[in-house]
Amino acid sequence: MNGIDQAVKSMEPITLEEMDGVKLLNRIDTKYLTDEKTLVGLLADAQKAGYRALEAEGAKISPYNSIYYDTPELRMFLDHHNRRLVRQKVRTRVYVNSGDAYLEIKRKNNHGRTKKKRTGIPVSELQDFKADANATDYLARHSAFTADMLSPVLSTEFDRITLVNPDRTERLTIDTALHFTNFRTGKKASLENAVIIELKQDGHAASQMKGILLDHRVKPVRVSKYCIAVTLTDRAVKSNRFKVKVRAIEKTINQKIKVI
């Protein structure tokens, strides 16, 4: 058992039912980048501050598998790269421990707010939901894209820890062991011991976690797993802006990211 496993195991659990009561009506999302060694100390301080870890299917560390869809010319990737304010991402996701699978649509508006909608699908449809009338209709109603415009681009696999503060005014998702596979190029990459953290907080409440992150010198960063993964695994795509993010990750983990 590594340091992360030990640190999370010792935290008080919170159930999915209790998590449903954490309503962040004026939500602000901030991402952070660090490494696994720093994460161990961060988790210890979070425990002292009373943060609880989501426990689902008997586990506090949950494996996720997401498949991102895009157009042949990677319009969604390029919209993000070109700083288009209004943009979308479409993915399927399976929560490995429970087997629950969804088609998810993430939409960002011109005020910087992100909203996510999702509908359940069978696990067998992760890489192809076009024959599912309910899923294709849902996509057409909630997205600027239709199913026949899209195909799978990238698989992302990672382990997630979710923390909630005692006042239930913020949630923290912590993603480790990130691995990517590009279906179109056949290339694979791993972020090694990099950790991507996302703080979701009520804008009206003070954040104790921000102080903990600052104590560990973990700074905010704008990073998209999909965009980083495509940048690493597809050399033909326009990605100059994201290459800076890749270098920041390599500096954080103190090693070069390998692509095979």
C-alpha atoms as a PDB file:
ATOM      1  CA  MET A   1       0.000   0.000   0.000  1.00  0.00           C
ATOM      2  CA  ASN A   2       1.533   3.332  -1.056  1.00  0.00           C
ATOM      3  CA  GLY A   3       1.391   6.634   0.806  1.00  0.00           C
ATOM      4  CA  ILE A   4      -1.684   7.860  -1.063  1.00  0.00           C
ATOM      5  CA  ASP A   5      -3.631   4.671  -0.270  1.00  0.00           C
ATOM      6  CA  GLN A   6      -2.707   4.922   3.411  1.00  0.00           C
ATOM      7  CA  ALA A   7      -3.605   8.612   3.643  1.00  0.00           C
ATOM      8  CA  VAL A   8      -7.025   8.124   2.019  1.00  0.00           C
ATOM      9  CA  LYS A   9      -7.819   4.958   3.963  1.00  0.00           C
ATOM     10  CA  SER A  10      -7.455   6.828   7.262  1.00  0.00           C
ATOM     11  CA  MET A  11      -9.931   9.571   6.267  1.00  0.00           C
ATOM     12  CA  GLU A  12     -13.544   9.568   7.460  1.00  0.00           C
ATOM     13  CA  PRO A  13     -15.870   8.394   4.659  1.00  0.00           C
ATOM     14  CA  ILE A  14     -18.811  10.213   3.092  1.00  0.00           C
ATOM     15  CA  THR A  15     -21.437   8.320   1.079  1.00  0.00           C
ATOM     16  CA  LEU A  16     -22.853   9.109  -2.357  1.00  0.00           C
ATOM     17  CA  GLU A  17     -26.190   9.863  -0.703  1.00  0.00           C
ATOM     18  CA  GLU A  18     -24.550  12.433   1.571  1.00  0.00           C
ATOM     19  CA  MET A  19     -22.641  13.852  -1.407  1.00  0.00           C
ATOM     20  CA  ASP A  20     -25.946  14.529  -3.158  1.00  0.00           C
ATOM     21  CA  GLY A  21     -26.631  17.050  -0.410  1.00  0.00           C
ATOM     22  CA  VAL A  22     -23.566  19.119  -1.332  1.00  0.00           C
ATOM     23  CA  LYS A  23     -25.212  21.753  -3.511  1.00  0.00           C
ATOM     24  CA  LEU A  24     -22.843  24.421  -4.824  1.00  0.00           C
ATOM     25  CA  LEU A  25     -25.256  26.966  -6.261  1.00  0.00           C
ATOM     26  CA  ASN A  26     -22.629  29.654  -6.916  1.00  0.00           C
ATOM     27  CA  ARG A  27     -19.943  27.217  -7.999  1.00  0.00           C
ATOM     28  CA  ILE A  28     -16.394  28.225  -8.859  1.00  0.00           C
ATOM     29  CA  ASP A  29     -14.037  25.606 -10.326  1.00  0.00           C
ATOM     30  CA  THR A  30     -10.252  25.881 -10.043  1.00  0.00           C
ATOM     31  CA  LYS A  31      -7.691  23.310 -11.209  1.00  0.00           C
ATOM     32  CA  TYR A  32      -4.297  22.615  -9.680  1.00  0.00           C
ATOM     33  CA  LEU A  33      -1.262  20.534 -10.650  1.00  0.00           C
ATOM     34  CA  THR A  34       1.094  18.676  -8.321  1.00  0.00           C
ATOM     35  CA  ASP A  35       2.853  15.338  -7.857  1.00  0.00           C
ATOM     36  CA  GLU A  36       2.100  12.236  -5.785  1.00  0.00           C
ATOM     37  CA  LYS A  37       4.673  12.984  -3.078  1.00  0.00           C
ATOM     38  CA  THR A  38       3.119  16.385  -2.400  1.00  0.00           C
ATOM     39  CA  LEU A  39      -0.369  14.842  -2.498  1.00  0.00           C
ATOM     40  CA  VAL A  40       0.400  12.584   0.476  1.00  0.00           C
ATOM     41  CA  GLY A  41       1.129  15.593   2.705  1.00  0.00           C
ATOM     42  CA  LEU A  42      -1.855  17.472   1.322  1.00  0.00           C
ATOM     43  CA  LEU A  43      -4.185  14.578   2.197  1.00  0.00           C
ATOM     44  CA  ALA A  44      -2.789  14.421   5.732  1.00  0.00           C
ATOM     45  CA  ASP A  45      -3.550  18.120   6.243  1.00  0.00           C
ATOM     46  CA  ALA A  46      -7.000  17.687   4.711  1.00  0.00           C
ATOM     47  CA  GLN A  47      -7.757  14.934   7.210  1.00  0.00           C
ATOM     48  CA  LYS A  48      -6.678  17.153  10.109  1.00  0.00           C
ATOM     49  CA  ALA A  49      -9.016  19.853   8.782  1.00  0.00           C
ATOM     50  CA  GLY A  50     -11.957  17.429   8.834  1.00  0.00           C
ATOM     51  CA  TYR A  51     -12.272  16.651   5.129  1.00  0.00           C
ATOM     52  CA  ARG A  52     -14.028  13.377   4.335  1.00  0.00           C
ATOM     53  CA  ALA A  53     -13.372  11.018   1.406  1.00  0.00           C
ATOM     54  CA  LEU A  54     -16.148   9.713  -0.812  1.00  0.00           C
ATOM     55  CA  GLU A  55     -16.550   5.965  -0.404  1.00  0.00           C
ATOM     56  CA  ALA A  56     -18.358   4.172  -3.234  1.00  0.00           C
ATOM     57  CA  GLU A  57     -18.649   0.415  -3.743  1.00  0.00           C
ATOM     58  CA  GLY A  58     -16.458   0.007  -0.635  1.00  0.00           C
ATOM     59  CA  ALA A  59     -13.547   2.011  -2.091  1.00  0.00           C
ATOM     60  CA  LYS A  60     -12.224   5.545  -1.560  1.00  0.00           C
ATOM     61  CA  ILE A  61     -10.100   5.482  -4.715  1.00  0.00           C
ATOM     62  CA  SER A  62     -12.235   4.882  -7.795  1.00  0.00           C
ATOM     63  CA  PRO A  63     -10.997   4.001 -11.303  1.00  0.00           C
ATOM     64  CA  TYR A  64     -12.593   5.921 -14.190  1.00  0.00           C
ATOM     65  CA  ASN A  65     -12.462   5.341 -17.932  1.00  0.00           C
ATOM     66  CA  SER A  66     -13.554   8.119 -20.294  1.00  0.00           C
ATOM     67  CA  ILE A  67     -13.694   8.175 -24.083  1.00  0.00           C
ATOM     68  CA  TYR A  68     -13.690  11.584 -25.779  1.00  0.00           C
ATOM     69  CA  TYR A  69     -15.437  12.120 -29.090  1.00  0.00           C
ATOM     70  CA  ASP A  70     -14.673  14.780 -31.680  1.00  0.00           C
ATOM     71  CA  THR A  71     -15.146  15.634 -35.349  1.00  0.00           C
ATOM     72  CA  PRO A  72     -12.665  14.410 -37.996  1.00  0.00           C
ATOM     73  CA  GLU A  73     -10.912  17.802 -37.869  1.00  0.00           C
ATOM     74  CA  LEU A  74     -10.947  17.869 -34.017  1.00  0.00           C
ATOM     75  CA  ARG A  75     -13.207  20.895 -33.821  1.00  0.00           C
ATOM     76  CA  MET A  76     -13.784  20.636 -30.057  1.00  0.00           C
ATOM     77  CA  PHE A  77     -10.061  20.389 -29.383  1.00  0.00           C
ATOM     78  CA  LEU A  78      -9.322  23.329 -31.668  1.00  0.00           C
ATOM     79  CA  ASP A  79     -12.127  25.456 -30.176  1.00  0.00           C
ATOM     80  CA  HIS A  80     -10.364  25.100 -26.815  1.00  0.00           C
ATOM     81  CA  HIS A  81      -6.918  25.712 -28.308  1.00  0.00           C
ATOM     82  CA  ASN A  82      -8.125  28.824 -30.116  1.00  0.00           C
ATOM     83  CA  ARG A  83      -9.676  30.220 -26.919  1.00  0.00           C
ATOM     84  CA  ARG A  84     -13.235  30.110 -28.145  1.00  0.00           C
ATOM     85  CA  LEU A  85     -15.328  31.109 -25.128  1.00  0.00           C
ATOM     86  CA  VAL A  86     -18.388  29.025 -25.971  1.00  0.00           C
ATOM     87  CA  ARG A  87     -17.311  25.428 -26.464  1.00  0.00           C
ATOM     88  CA  GLN A  88     -18.229  21.832 -25.714  1.00  0.00           C
ATOM     89  CA  LYS A  89     -16.759  18.426 -25.042  1.00  0.00           C
ATOM     90  CA  VAL A  90     -18.535  15.117 -25.592  1.00  0.00           C
ATOM     91  CA  ARG A  91     -17.453  11.935 -23.858  1.00  0.00           C
ATOM     92  CA  THR A  92     -18.649   8.605 -22.549  1.00  0.00           C
ATOM     93  CA  ARG A  93     -17.569   7.540 -19.077  1.00  0.00           C
ATOM     94  CA  VAL A  94     -17.729   4.377 -17.006  1.00  0.00           C
ATOM     95  CA  TYR A  95     -17.315   4.273 -13.245  1.00  0.00           C
ATOM     96  CA  VAL A  96     -15.389   0.999 -13.167  1.00  0.00           C
ATOM     97  CA  ASN A  97     -16.267  -0.121  -9.639  1.00  0.00           C
ATOM     98  CA  SER A  98     -20.026   0.265 -10.105  1.00  0.00           C
ATOM     99  CA  GLY A  99     -20.192  -0.398 -13.843  1.00  0.00           C
ATOM    100  CA  ASP A 100     -22.397   2.681 -14.357  1.00  0.00           C
ATOM    101  CA  ALA A 101     -21.835   4.322 -17.748  1.00  0.00           C
ATOM    102  CA  TYR A 102     -22.963   7.659 -19.181  1.00  0.00           C
ATOM    103  CA  LEU A 103     -22.893   9.869 -22.242  1.00  0.00           C
ATOM    104  CA  GLU A 104     -21.752  13.277 -20.958  1.00  0.00           C
ATOM    105  CA  ILE A 105     -21.845  16.717 -22.544  1.00  0.00           C
ATOM    106  CA  LYS A 106     -19.777  19.529 -21.003  1.00  0.00           C
ATOM    107  CA  ARG A 107     -20.664  23.028 -22.151  1.00  0.00           C
ATOM    108  CA  LYS A 108     -18.740  26.200 -21.311  1.00  0.00           C
ATOM    109  CA  ASN A 109     -20.483  29.541 -21.792  1.00  0.00           C
ATOM    110  CA  ASN A 110     -19.006  32.979 -22.472  1.00  0.00           C
ATOM    111  CA  HIS A 111     -18.981  33.726 -18.733  1.00  0.00           C
ATOM    112  CA  GLY A 112     -16.553  30.869 -18.067  1.00  0.00           C
ATOM    113  CA  ARG A 113     -19.178  28.663 -16.410  1.00  0.00           C
ATOM    114  CA  THR A 114     -19.204  24.952 -17.184  1.00  0.00           C
ATOM    115  CA  LYS A 115     -22.375  22.881 -17.086  1.00  0.00           C
ATOM    116  CA  LYS A 116     -22.501  19.113 -17.497  1.00  0.00           C
ATOM    117  CA  LYS A 117     -25.442  17.023 -18.651  1.00  0.00           C
ATOM    118  CA  ARG A 118     -25.463  13.251 -18.881  1.00  0.00           C
ATOM    119  CA  THR A 119     -27.643  10.270 -19.659  1.00  0.00           C
ATOM    120  CA  GLY A 120     -27.115   6.611 -18.835  1.00  0.00           C
ATOM    121  CA  ILE A 121     -25.931   4.177 -21.511  1.00  0.00           C
ATOM    122  CA  PRO A 122     -24.892   0.494 -21.498  1.00  0.00           C
ATOM    123  CA  VAL A 123     -21.161  -0.093 -20.943  1.00  0.00           C
ATOM    124  CA  SER A 124     -21.060  -1.804 -24.345  1.00  0.00           C
ATOM    125  CA  GLU A 125     -21.766   1.584 -25.979  1.00  0.00           C
ATOM    126  CA  LEU A 126     -18.716   3.423 -24.624  1.00  0.00           C
ATOM    127  CA  GLN A 127     -16.997   3.477 -28.040  1.00  0.00           C
ATOM    128  CA  ASP A 128     -20.127   3.482 -30.180  1.00  0.00           C
ATOM    129  CA  PHE A 129     -23.532   4.752 -29.081  1.00  0.00           C
ATOM    130  CA  LYS A 130     -24.845   5.594 -32.566  1.00  0.00           C
ATOM    131  CA  ALA A 131     -27.323   2.716 -32.559  1.00  0.00           C
ATOM    132  CA  ASP A 132     -28.839   3.929 -29.266  1.00  0.00           C
ATOM    133  CA  ALA A 133     -31.755   6.197 -30.214  1.00  0.00           C
ATOM    134  CA  ASN A 134     -32.081   7.580 -26.687  1.00  0.00           C
ATOM    135  CA  ALA A 135     -28.392   8.552 -26.543  1.00  0.00           C
ATOM    136  CA  THR A 136     -28.272  10.083 -30.020  1.00  0.00           C
ATOM    137  CA  ASP A 137     -31.445  12.051 -29.374  1.00  0.00           C
ATOM    138  CA  TYR A 138     -30.038  13.288 -26.056  1.00  0.00           C
ATOM    139  CA  LEU A 139     -26.856  14.446 -27.790  1.00  0.00           C
ATOM    140  CA  ALA A 140     -28.802  16.269 -30.497  1.00  0.00           C
ATOM    141  CA  ARG A 141     -30.955  18.062 -27.916  1.00  0.00           C
ATOM    142  CA  HIS A 142     -28.119  19.172 -25.630  1.00  0.00           C
ATOM    143  CA  SER A 143     -25.161  19.640 -27.965  1.00  0.00           C
ATOM    144  CA  ALA A 144     -24.162  21.499 -31.116  1.00  0.00           C
ATOM    145  CA  PHE A 145     -23.129  18.123 -32.549  1.00  0.00           C
ATOM    146  CA  THR A 146     -24.961  15.041 -33.763  1.00  0.00           C
ATOM    147  CA  ALA A 147     -23.737  11.476 -33.408  1.00  0.00           C
ATOM    148  CA  ASP A 148     -22.908  11.114 -37.109  1.00  0.00           C
ATOM    149  CA  MET A 149     -20.517  14.094 -36.821  1.00  0.00           C
ATOM    150  CA  LEU A 150     -18.419  12.428 -34.118  1.00  0.00           C
ATOM    151  CA  SER A 151     -16.183   9.428 -33.557  1.00  0.00           C
ATOM    152  CA  PRO A 152     -13.953   8.274 -30.654  1.00  0.00           C
ATOM    153  CA  VAL A 153     -10.624  10.082 -30.410  1.00  0.00           C
ATOM    154  CA  LEU A 154      -9.111   9.316 -27.061  1.00  0.00           C
ATOM    155  CA  SER A 155      -9.374   7.072 -24.012  1.00  0.00           C
ATOM    156  CA  THR A 156      -8.379   8.450 -20.608  1.00  0.00           C
ATOM    157  CA  GLU A 157      -7.971   6.179 -17.599  1.00  0.00           C
ATOM    158  CA  PHE A 158      -7.286   7.465 -14.098  1.00  0.00           C
ATOM    159  CA  ASP A 159      -7.964   6.941 -10.401  1.00  0.00           C
ATOM    160  CA  ARG A 160     -10.053   9.535  -8.564  1.00  0.00           C
ATOM    161  CA  ILE A 161     -10.303  10.595  -4.925  1.00  0.00           C
ATOM    162  CA  THR A 162     -13.145  12.936  -3.958  1.00  0.00           C
ATOM    163  CA  LEU A 163     -13.030  15.012  -0.750  1.00  0.00           C
ATOM    164  CA  VAL A 164     -15.710  17.126   0.926  1.00  0.00           C
ATOM    165  CA  ASN A 165     -15.086  19.783   3.592  1.00  0.00           C
ATOM    166  CA  PRO A 166     -16.889  19.708   6.966  1.00  0.00           C
ATOM    167  CA  ASP A 167     -19.251  22.562   6.018  1.00  0.00           C
ATOM    168  CA  ARG A 168     -20.026  20.888   2.676  1.00  0.00           C
ATOM    169  CA  THR A 169     -19.302  24.097   0.799  1.00  0.00           C
ATOM    170  CA  GLU A 170     -16.609  22.582  -1.437  1.00  0.00           C
ATOM    171  CA  ARG A 171     -15.610  19.370  -3.174  1.00  0.00           C
ATOM    172  CA  LEU A 172     -12.154  18.351  -4.310  1.00  0.00           C
ATOM    173  CA  THR A 173     -11.506  15.790  -7.056  1.00  0.00           C
ATOM    174  CA  ILE A 174      -7.989  14.382  -7.196  1.00  0.00           C
ATOM    175  CA  ASP A 175      -6.938  12.425 -10.300  1.00  0.00           C
ATOM    176  CA  THR A 176      -3.849  10.207 -10.325  1.00  0.00           C
ATOM    177  CA  ALA A 177      -2.382   7.460 -12.551  1.00  0.00           C
ATOM    178  CA  LEU A 178      -3.477   9.206 -15.754  1.00  0.00           C
ATOM    179  CA  HIS A 179      -3.064   7.143 -18.933  1.00  0.00           C
ATOM    180  CA  PHE A 180      -4.127   8.074 -22.471  1.00  0.00           C
ATOM    181  CA  THR A 181      -4.656   6.118 -25.687  1.00  0.00           C
ATOM    182  CA  ASN A 182      -5.277   7.909 -28.999  1.00  0.00           C
ATOM    183  CA  PHE A 183      -7.491   5.744 -31.219  1.00  0.00           C
ATOM    184  CA  ARG A 184      -6.632   7.663 -34.393  1.00  0.00           C
ATOM    185  CA  THR A 185      -2.832   7.692 -34.090  1.00  0.00           C
ATOM    186  CA  GLY A 186      -2.335   4.569 -31.988  1.00  0.00           C
ATOM    187  CA  LYS A 187      -0.069   6.518 -29.606  1.00  0.00           C
ATOM    188  CA  LYS A 188      -0.146   6.109 -25.815  1.00  0.00           C
ATOM    189  CA  ALA A 189       1.104   8.349 -23.007  1.00  0.00           C
ATOM    190  CA  SER A 190       1.105   8.490 -19.217  1.00  0.00           C
ATOM    191  CA  LEU A 191       1.446  11.503 -16.929  1.00  0.00           C
ATOM    192  CA  GLU A 192       3.528   9.324 -14.573  1.00  0.00           C
ATOM    193  CA  ASN A 193       3.229  10.682 -10.995  1.00  0.00           C
ATOM    194  CA  ALA A 194       1.410  13.884 -11.957  1.00  0.00           C
ATOM    195  CA  VAL A 195      -1.765  14.754 -10.038  1.00  0.00           C
ATOM    196  CA  ILE A 196      -4.577  16.955 -11.356  1.00  0.00           C
ATOM    197  CA  ILE A 197      -6.802  18.494  -8.690  1.00  0.00           C
ATOM    198  CA  GLU A 198     -10.066  20.364  -9.200  1.00  0.00           C
ATOM    199  CA  LEU A 199     -11.579  22.448  -6.433  1.00  0.00           C
ATOM    200  CA  LYS A 200     -15.314  23.051  -6.769  1.00  0.00           C
ATOM    201  CA  GLN A 201     -16.402  25.631  -4.202  1.00  0.00           C
ATOM    202  CA  ASP A 202     -19.314  27.800  -3.195  1.00  0.00           C
ATOM    203  CA  GLY A 203     -18.265  31.295  -4.201  1.00  0.00           C
ATOM    204  CA  HIS A 204     -19.930  32.747  -1.114  1.00  0.00           C
ATOM    205  CA  ALA A 205     -17.895  30.640   1.356  1.00  0.00           C
ATOM    206  CA  ALA A 206     -14.265  30.801   2.463  1.00  0.00           C
ATOM    207  CA  SER A 207     -12.097  27.909   1.279  1.00  0.00           C
ATOM    208  CA  GLN A 208      -9.885  26.143   3.788  1.00  0.00           C
ATOM    209  CA  MET A 209      -8.552  23.924   1.008  1.00  0.00           C
ATOM    210  CA  LYS A 210      -7.091  26.921  -0.808  1.00  0.00           C
ATOM    211  CA  GLY A 211      -4.978  27.560   2.266  1.00  0.00           C
ATOM    212  CA  ILE A 212      -3.857  23.928   2.418  1.00  0.00           C
ATOM    213  CA  LEU A 213      -2.910  23.982  -1.265  1.00  0.00           C
ATOM    214  CA  LEU A 214      -0.982  27.227  -0.755  1.00  0.00           C
ATOM    215  CA  ASP A 215       0.878  25.720   2.219  1.00  0.00           C
ATOM    216  CA  HIS A 216       2.074  22.932  -0.072  1.00  0.00           C
ATOM    217  CA  ARG A 217       2.964  25.404  -2.848  1.00  0.00           C
ATOM    218  CA  VAL A 218       0.359  23.938  -5.177  1.00  0.00           C
ATOM    219  CA  LYS A 219      -0.730  26.698  -7.547  1.00  0.00           C
ATOM    220  CA  PRO A 220      -3.775  27.065  -9.834  1.00  0.00           C
ATOM    221  CA  VAL A 221      -3.356  26.030 -13.468  1.00  0.00           C
ATOM    222  CA  ARG A 222      -5.666  25.833 -16.450  1.00  0.00           C
ATOM    223  CA  VAL A 223      -5.412  22.303 -17.793  1.00  0.00           C
ATOM    224  CA  SER A 224      -7.666  19.966 -19.776  1.00  0.00           C
ATOM    225  CA  LYS A 225      -6.953  16.233 -19.681  1.00  0.00           C
ATOM    226  CA  TYR A 226      -8.376  15.838 -23.193  1.00  0.00           C
ATOM    227  CA  CYS A 227      -6.315  18.672 -24.662  1.00  0.00           C
ATOM    228  CA  ILE A 228      -3.087  17.579 -22.962  1.00  0.00           C
ATOM    229  CA  ALA A 229      -3.629  14.004 -24.129  1.00  0.00           C
ATOM    230  CA  VAL A 230      -4.266  14.975 -27.749  1.00  0.00           C
ATOM    231  CA  THR A 231      -1.204  17.263 -27.704  1.00  0.00           C
ATOM    232  CA  LEU A 232       0.957  14.385 -26.493  1.00  0.00           C
ATOM    233  CA  THR A 233      -0.395  11.710 -28.833  1.00  0.00           C
ATOM    234  CA  ASP A 234      -1.069  13.579 -32.103  1.00  0.00           C
ATOM    235  CA  ARG A 235       1.883  15.546 -33.448  1.00  0.00           C
ATOM    236  CA  ALA A 236      -0.043  16.624 -36.544  1.00  0.00           C
ATOM    237  CA  VAL A 237      -2.612  18.707 -34.679  1.00  0.00           C
ATOM    238  CA  LYS A 238      -2.188  22.426 -33.951  1.00  0.00           C
ATOM    239  CA  SER A 239      -1.268  22.494 -30.256  1.00  0.00           C
ATOM    240  CA  ASN A 240       1.338  25.205 -29.577  1.00  0.00           C
ATOM    241  CA  ARG A 241      -0.622  26.684 -26.678  1.00  0.00           C
ATOM    242  CA  PHE A 242      -0.926  23.333 -24.916  1.00  0.00           C
ATOM    243  CA  LYS A 243       2.744  22.423 -25.311  1.00  0.00           C
ATOM    244  CA  VAL A 244       3.445  24.989 -22.583  1.00  0.00           C
ATOM    245  CA  LYS A 245       1.126  22.990 -20.306  1.00  0.00           C
ATOM    246  CA  VAL A 246       2.982  19.782 -21.138  1.00  0.00           C
ATOM    247  CA  ARG A 247       6.289  21.416 -20.138  1.00  0.00           C
ATOM    248  CA  ALA A 248       4.704  22.593 -16.878  1.00  0.00           C
ATOM    249  CA  ILE A 249       3.647  19.027 -16.097  1.00  0.00           C
ATOM    250  CA  GLU A 250       7.125  17.710 -16.898  1.00  0.00           C
ATOM    251  CA  LYS A 251       8.656  20.332 -14.607  1.00  0.00           C
ATOM    252  CA  THR A 252       6.262  19.351 -11.820  1.00  0.00           C
ATOM    253  CA  ILE A 253       7.053  15.622 -12.052  1.00  0.00           C
ATOM    254  CA  ASN A 254      10.729  16.271 -12.870  1.00  0.00           C
ATOM    255  CA  GLN A 255      10.799  13.966 -15.862  1.00  0.00           C
ATOM    256  CA  LYS A 256      10.016  13.826 -19.577  1.00  0.00           C
ATOM    257  CA  ILE A 257       6.622  12.401 -20.528  1.00  0.00           C
ATOM    258  CA  LYS A 258       7.091   9.341 -22.741  1.00  0.00           C
ATOM    259  CA  VAL A 259       4.872   8.688 -25.757  1.00  0.00           C
ATOM    260  CA  ILE A 260       4.863   5.180 -27.234  1.00  0.00           C
END
